[in-house]
Amino acid sequence: MIAAVLTGFLVALLSPVLEKGLGRRAAPLLALFPAGLFAWFVRFVPEVAEGGTRAAALAWIPELGVSLSFRLDGLSLLMTLIVSGVGALVLLYAGSYMEGHPRRGALLGYLVAFLSAMLGLVLSDNLLGLFVFWEATSILSYFLIGFDREKAEVRAAALQALLVTGGGGLALLAGFVLLGQAGGSLEISALVANADALKASPLYTPALLLVLLGAFTKSAQVPFHFWLPGAMAAPTPISAYLHSATMVKAGVFLLARLHPALGGTPEWGWIVTTAGAATMLTGAVLAVGQKDLKRLLAFSTVSSLGSLTMLIGVGTPAALGAAMVFLLAHALYKAALFLVAGILDHETGTRDVTRLGGLFALLPATGVAAVAAAFSMAGLPPLLGFVSKELLYDAALRASPIPLLLVPVAVASNMLLVAVALAVGFGPFTGARGDTPKVPHEAPASMWLGPVVLGLGGLACGLFAGAISPFLSSAASAALGHPYGVKLELWHGFNLVLLKSLVTLAVGLAFWASRARLRSL
């Protein structure tokens, strides 16, 4: 595991050299690195699904109790597979998307370095080691968001993201130090084992508040949500990778990782659940009025991050199980839709949804990926997005004593997100041809392959949900701190949860039909 993480930084340094020597062949070659990592980590799925774990450590600063200690369990393996799998597809996509750009090699190098930093973050078992990788993702995201540095608005967006996430990182470091003092160790596994003493410590509340501040800034929770839409100034491959599948999930991952140690208290439950619910609704409301494809996806991502945070705040087995399923479903459909948005921009010259339409015949492969991803985001069966939405509604209904708050927020948010999903992934490919600056045609295979794999991946995971249940159960068990079985099924019979799903779809379709009026509000 140590070599898997650290080798990526060496590969990142070599990326500009490979680009200079190999040209367009450099991106497919570099994509083999995360693809190989994905294949290597997949080998551990059966072992982890049975409750097994792997650990590795490298002494770093022994005098301070700091080591590069890594732990592979269900939660870290889920994130590792998302980071490496989506990373491979994004690198392949980026090579064609950035064709002709004089600094394409630098972009590829930044992406590989970011991938490695994310791997280090999700695998770390030492708080200070985790913090180093956490800050590395913030610094690298600054360079990635500000890649088109000639533009003043791009530099401003990159600086804003750095200041918000970097400031949260300082709070996080202080919280980690307090946790180490209260729990007697900087190892997360040791803190989990000593959770009762940690929660009884007078340092628990200040440590919790500081950690939550760091997590909320990273995952764009209200009132820190504003930096994420601004980050859409980055080229699309960066948005697809950082702002759908990886960096913005770091805060959510941290909450899930520390839940066994810090969760289960009234402070945790009310703060995390309320922040998540507020973010979920705020993001959905702001998304539905947008015209730009990437801003639509950015605000809907804010809403989805709120959903994940809310579920972790609820903290019940059903809620943590739903969070793990939704974590996977969201990574698949949102990364696919971001990549589709980039293709539409690349091939038509616009991201304005009011100017896009009737493109399916001209971009058939992209259209298949877009429709599959959009239907998963909308929660249509038999895609994984439907399964995750059912579990979210079920967890909200069971979230005693606050279902009266969470259920309306969840249903209202998802109604709006149905309209957003159709506007992004369905509307541009149906109806009359729009007036676009460029005459569109299908993108190169290296660009549409990623969204097709991700979009159809959501379909496959939905159809064979039972097969991935043991793996997602291991992720939920790691977040809970005890074994729990997630039951994934497409059909649970006629019940209140299904009724809510049907109402969500019906009202969401009505919102989509009234999208022009909604944008004018």
Foldseek 3Di string as FASTA:
>chain_A
DVCLLVVLLVVLVCQVVCCVVPPLVSLLVLLVSLVVVLVVLVVCLVVQLVVDKDKDWAQDPVVVQDILIFMDHLQLSLLSNLLSVLLSLLSLQLSQLCPPPPCSSNLSSLSSNLSSLQNSLSGGQFQVSNLVSLLVNLVSLLCQLCVVVVDPLSNVLSVLLSCLLVVLSVLLVVLLVLLCVQQVHRGLVSLLVSQVSSCVDPSLVSSVVSLLSNLCCQLLFPPNVVSQLSSVSGQLSSCLNCVFQTRNCSSLSVLLLCCSRNNDDPVLLVVQQVRLLVQLLQLLLVLLQDFFQSSNLRSNSSNLSSLSSNLSSLPDLLSLLLSLLSSLLRSLLSSLLSLLLSQCCSFQVGRGLVQAAQCCVQAVLNLLLLVLSLCLLLLHPLFSSVQSLLSSLVSLVVSPPPSVPRNVSSLVSSLSSNLSSCSRRPGRNHDDGGDTPHDGHYDDCSSSVSSNCSSVVRNVCSVPVVVCQSSSQRSSCSSNVHGDTDDTDSDPDDDPSVVSSVVSNVSSVVCNVCSVVSNVD
